[in-house]
């Protein structure tokens, strides 16, 4: 499913437009974006809209859910898995339990942060961006 929002193009850089869009009900409790009334986002301009035009932006919910899972859930899951691996290693080889549980948890968490950094860089690709699908009005 895809969500749609209206916005105004502020600047253009090739096919990438900076669009100021009004916030919707999903944004009320999030607080991730600065400002109270509007957010500014990069969007792929496939309809050749110009600066100052009002446009419709389409955002894939699947991409939003994937990003939310990677940023919020993956660190929790991998840290817990690191804890379990550390516990298994300490019991199997007779090492100090607490040291290996904590050490493996920290190692798993750091590796997850590195993956999130990689994932964040890959999100800037065109396929993960919101897309301008229609022009509503001229300047």
C-alpha atoms as a PDB file:
ATOM      1  CA  UNK A   1       0.000   0.000   0.000  1.00  0.00           C
ATOM      2  CA  UNK A   2       1.158   3.508  -0.710  1.00  0.00           C
ATOM      3  CA  UNK A   3       0.490   6.741   1.138  1.00  0.00           C
ATOM      4  CA  UNK A   4       0.006  10.027  -0.636  1.00  0.00           C
ATOM      5  CA  UNK A   5       0.757  13.542   0.527  1.00  0.00           C
ATOM      6  CA  UNK A   6       0.624  17.000  -1.034  1.00  0.00           C
ATOM      7  CA  UNK A   7       3.587  19.320  -1.070  1.00  0.00           C
ATOM      8  CA  UNK A   8       5.331  22.213  -2.778  1.00  0.00           C
ATOM      9  CA  UNK A   9       8.682  21.827  -4.527  1.00  0.00           C
ATOM     10  CA  UNK A  10      11.281  24.056  -2.879  1.00  0.00           C
ATOM     11  CA  UNK A  11      14.419  23.203  -4.891  1.00  0.00           C
ATOM     12  CA  UNK A  12      15.520  20.838  -7.640  1.00  0.00           C
ATOM     13  CA  UNK A  13      18.774  18.947  -8.125  1.00  0.00           C
ATOM     14  CA  UNK A  14      18.469  16.978 -11.338  1.00  0.00           C
ATOM     15  CA  UNK A  15      15.601  14.503 -10.853  1.00  0.00           C
ATOM     16  CA  UNK A  16      15.627  14.880  -7.058  1.00  0.00           C
ATOM     17  CA  UNK A  17      13.284  17.525  -5.640  1.00  0.00           C
ATOM     18  CA  UNK A  18      13.141  18.921  -2.118  1.00  0.00           C
ATOM     19  CA  UNK A  19       9.445  19.023  -1.254  1.00  0.00           C
ATOM     20  CA  UNK A  20       7.801  20.728   1.717  1.00  0.00           C
ATOM     21  CA  UNK A  21       4.796  18.619   2.688  1.00  0.00           C
ATOM     22  CA  UNK A  22       2.249  19.233   5.401  1.00  0.00           C
ATOM     23  CA  UNK A  23       2.234  16.733   8.229  1.00  0.00           C
ATOM     24  CA  UNK A  24      -0.571  14.215   8.513  1.00  0.00           C
ATOM     25  CA  UNK A  25      -2.121  12.290  11.406  1.00  0.00           C
ATOM     26  CA  UNK A  26       0.638   9.648  11.445  1.00  0.00           C
ATOM     27  CA  UNK A  27       3.167  12.380  12.224  1.00  0.00           C
ATOM     28  CA  UNK A  28       1.423  13.659  15.364  1.00  0.00           C
ATOM     29  CA  UNK A  29       3.077  11.320  17.836  1.00  0.00           C
ATOM     30  CA  UNK A  30       6.349  10.668  16.013  1.00  0.00           C
ATOM     31  CA  UNK A  31       8.357  13.860  16.448  1.00  0.00           C
ATOM     32  CA  UNK A  32      11.163  12.650  14.156  1.00  0.00           C
ATOM     33  CA  UNK A  33      10.906  15.620  11.797  1.00  0.00           C
ATOM     34  CA  UNK A  34      11.735  19.187  12.792  1.00  0.00           C
ATOM     35  CA  UNK A  35       9.017  21.815  12.778  1.00  0.00           C
ATOM     36  CA  UNK A  36       5.390  21.653  13.761  1.00  0.00           C
ATOM     37  CA  UNK A  37       3.503  22.125  10.533  1.00  0.00           C
ATOM     38  CA  UNK A  38       5.606  20.772   7.662  1.00  0.00           C
ATOM     39  CA  UNK A  39       8.363  18.358   6.771  1.00  0.00           C
ATOM     40  CA  UNK A  40      10.933  18.690   4.003  1.00  0.00           C
ATOM     41  CA  UNK A  41      11.857  15.535   2.113  1.00  0.00           C
ATOM     42  CA  UNK A  42      13.711  14.477  -0.983  1.00  0.00           C
ATOM     43  CA  UNK A  43      11.508  12.947  -3.669  1.00  0.00           C
ATOM     44  CA  UNK A  44      12.186  11.484  -7.091  1.00  0.00           C
ATOM     45  CA  UNK A  45      10.641  13.778  -9.729  1.00  0.00           C
ATOM     46  CA  UNK A  46       9.372  11.457 -12.453  1.00  0.00           C
ATOM     47  CA  UNK A  47       6.792  13.930 -13.817  1.00  0.00           C
ATOM     48  CA  UNK A  48       9.240  16.800 -14.439  1.00  0.00           C
ATOM     49  CA  UNK A  49       7.567  19.168 -11.994  1.00  0.00           C
ATOM     50  CA  UNK A  50       9.142  22.604 -11.486  1.00  0.00           C
ATOM     51  CA  UNK A  51      10.082  24.629  -8.419  1.00  0.00           C
ATOM     52  CA  UNK A  52       7.030  26.236  -6.797  1.00  0.00           C
ATOM     53  CA  UNK A  53       4.479  23.720  -8.103  1.00  0.00           C
ATOM     54  CA  UNK A  54       2.107  21.837  -5.816  1.00  0.00           C
ATOM     55  CA  UNK A  55       2.551  18.096  -6.270  1.00  0.00           C
ATOM     56  CA  UNK A  56       1.345  14.714  -5.031  1.00  0.00           C
ATOM     57  CA  UNK A  57       4.020  12.573  -3.377  1.00  0.00           C
ATOM     58  CA  UNK A  58       3.628   8.816  -3.054  1.00  0.00           C
ATOM     59  CA  UNK A  59       5.423   6.972  -0.246  1.00  0.00           C
ATOM     60  CA  UNK A  60       5.598   3.173  -0.097  1.00  0.00           C
ATOM     61  CA  UNK A  61       4.484   1.816   3.287  1.00  0.00           C
ATOM     62  CA  UNK A  62       6.576  -1.306   2.718  1.00  0.00           C
ATOM     63  CA  UNK A  63       9.709   0.850   2.600  1.00  0.00           C
ATOM     64  CA  UNK A  64       8.664   2.713   5.757  1.00  0.00           C
ATOM     65  CA  UNK A  65       8.029  -0.552   7.615  1.00  0.00           C
ATOM     66  CA  UNK A  66      11.328  -2.037   6.479  1.00  0.00           C
ATOM     67  CA  UNK A  67      13.229   1.037   7.632  1.00  0.00           C
ATOM     68  CA  UNK A  68      11.401   1.077  10.983  1.00  0.00           C
ATOM     69  CA  UNK A  69      12.205  -2.601  11.542  1.00  0.00           C
ATOM     70  CA  UNK A  70      15.895  -2.134  10.737  1.00  0.00           C
ATOM     71  CA  UNK A  71      16.278   0.930  12.949  1.00  0.00           C
ATOM     72  CA  UNK A  72      14.146  -0.089  15.954  1.00  0.00           C
ATOM     73  CA  UNK A  73      13.740  -3.878  16.112  1.00  0.00           C
ATOM     74  CA  UNK A  74      16.964  -5.222  14.607  1.00  0.00           C
ATOM     75  CA  UNK A  75      19.245  -3.811  17.342  1.00  0.00           C
ATOM     76  CA  UNK A  76      17.051  -5.386  20.025  1.00  0.00           C
ATOM     77  CA  UNK A  77      16.968  -8.759  18.301  1.00  0.00           C
ATOM     78  CA  UNK A  78      20.676  -8.908  17.503  1.00  0.00           C
ATOM     79  CA  UNK A  79      21.678  -7.765  20.997  1.00  0.00           C
ATOM     80  CA  UNK A  80      19.560 -10.537  22.491  1.00  0.00           C
ATOM     81  CA  UNK A  81      21.041 -13.044  20.030  1.00  0.00           C
ATOM     82  CA  UNK A  82      24.516 -11.858  21.029  1.00  0.00           C
ATOM     83  CA  UNK A  83      23.595 -12.465  24.665  1.00  0.00           C
ATOM     84  CA  UNK A  84      22.466 -16.024  23.869  1.00  0.00           C
ATOM     85  CA  UNK A  85      25.603 -16.718  21.821  1.00  0.00           C
ATOM     86  CA  UNK A  86      27.791 -15.371  24.636  1.00  0.00           C
ATOM     87  CA  UNK A  87      25.974 -17.589  27.135  1.00  0.00           C
ATOM     88  CA  UNK A  88      26.437 -20.634  24.877  1.00  0.00           C
ATOM     89  CA  UNK A  89      30.148 -19.933  24.362  1.00  0.00           C
ATOM     90  CA  UNK A  90      30.772 -19.407  28.079  1.00  0.00           C
ATOM     91  CA  UNK A  91      29.033 -22.659  29.041  1.00  0.00           C
ATOM     92  CA  UNK A  92      30.616 -24.699  26.238  1.00  0.00           C
ATOM     93  CA  UNK A  93      34.203 -23.588  26.874  1.00  0.00           C
ATOM     94  CA  UNK A  94      34.054 -22.745  30.589  1.00  0.00           C
ATOM     95  CA  UNK A  95      34.700 -19.018  30.251  1.00  0.00           C
ATOM     96  CA  UNK A  96      33.301 -16.431  32.697  1.00  0.00           C
ATOM     97  CA  UNK A  97      29.572 -16.245  31.939  1.00  0.00           C
ATOM     98  CA  UNK A  98      28.867 -12.559  32.565  1.00  0.00           C
ATOM     99  CA  UNK A  99      31.912 -11.387  30.612  1.00  0.00           C
ATOM    100  CA  UNK A 100      30.959 -13.358  27.513  1.00  0.00           C
ATOM    101  CA  UNK A 101      27.264 -12.481  27.707  1.00  0.00           C
ATOM    102  CA  UNK A 102      27.984  -8.774  27.917  1.00  0.00           C
ATOM    103  CA  UNK A 103      30.847  -8.885  25.411  1.00  0.00           C
ATOM    104  CA  UNK A 104      28.873 -10.793  22.768  1.00  0.00           C
ATOM    105  CA  UNK A 105      25.861  -8.510  23.282  1.00  0.00           C
ATOM    106  CA  UNK A 106      27.991  -5.406  22.779  1.00  0.00           C
ATOM    107  CA  UNK A 107      29.687  -6.921  19.716  1.00  0.00           C
ATOM    108  CA  UNK A 108      26.311  -7.815  18.179  1.00  0.00           C
ATOM    109  CA  UNK A 109      24.985  -4.316  18.897  1.00  0.00           C
ATOM    110  CA  UNK A 110      28.020  -2.630  17.311  1.00  0.00           C
ATOM    111  CA  UNK A 111      27.755  -4.852  14.220  1.00  0.00           C
ATOM    112  CA  UNK A 112      24.083  -3.937  13.968  1.00  0.00           C
ATOM    113  CA  UNK A 113      24.915  -0.230  14.154  1.00  0.00           C
ATOM    114  CA  UNK A 114      27.379  -0.699  11.306  1.00  0.00           C
ATOM    115  CA  UNK A 115      24.679  -2.458   9.279  1.00  0.00           C
ATOM    116  CA  UNK A 116      22.217   0.368  10.003  1.00  0.00           C
ATOM    117  CA  UNK A 117      24.817   2.848   8.715  1.00  0.00           C
ATOM    118  CA  UNK A 118      25.122   0.775   5.509  1.00  0.00           C
ATOM    119  CA  UNK A 119      21.319   0.493   5.256  1.00  0.00           C
ATOM    120  CA  UNK A 120      20.962   4.260   5.675  1.00  0.00           C
ATOM    121  CA  UNK A 121      23.333   4.872   2.776  1.00  0.00           C
ATOM    122  CA  UNK A 122      21.420   2.421   0.585  1.00  0.00           C
ATOM    123  CA  UNK A 123      18.118   4.145   1.454  1.00  0.00           C
ATOM    124  CA  UNK A 124      19.227   7.256  -0.406  1.00  0.00           C
ATOM    125  CA  UNK A 125      18.891   5.326  -3.654  1.00  0.00           C
ATOM    126  CA  UNK A 126      15.992   6.195  -5.940  1.00  0.00           C
ATOM    127  CA  UNK A 127      13.994   3.024  -5.191  1.00  0.00           C
ATOM    128  CA  UNK A 128      13.510   3.929  -1.506  1.00  0.00           C
ATOM    129  CA  UNK A 129      12.608   7.582  -2.123  1.00  0.00           C
ATOM    130  CA  UNK A 130       9.137   9.038  -2.160  1.00  0.00           C
ATOM    131  CA  UNK A 131       8.014   9.663  -5.752  1.00  0.00           C
ATOM    132  CA  UNK A 132       6.271  12.718  -7.218  1.00  0.00           C
ATOM    133  CA  UNK A 133       3.341  11.251  -9.148  1.00  0.00           C
ATOM    134  CA  UNK A 134       1.305  14.260 -10.218  1.00  0.00           C
ATOM    135  CA  UNK A 135       1.359  18.070 -10.495  1.00  0.00           C
ATOM    136  CA  UNK A 136      -1.657  19.757  -8.862  1.00  0.00           C
ATOM    137  CA  UNK A 137      -1.044  23.382  -9.778  1.00  0.00           C
ATOM    138  CA  UNK A 138       1.357  25.694 -11.493  1.00  0.00           C
ATOM    139  CA  UNK A 139       3.348  28.336  -9.575  1.00  0.00           C
END
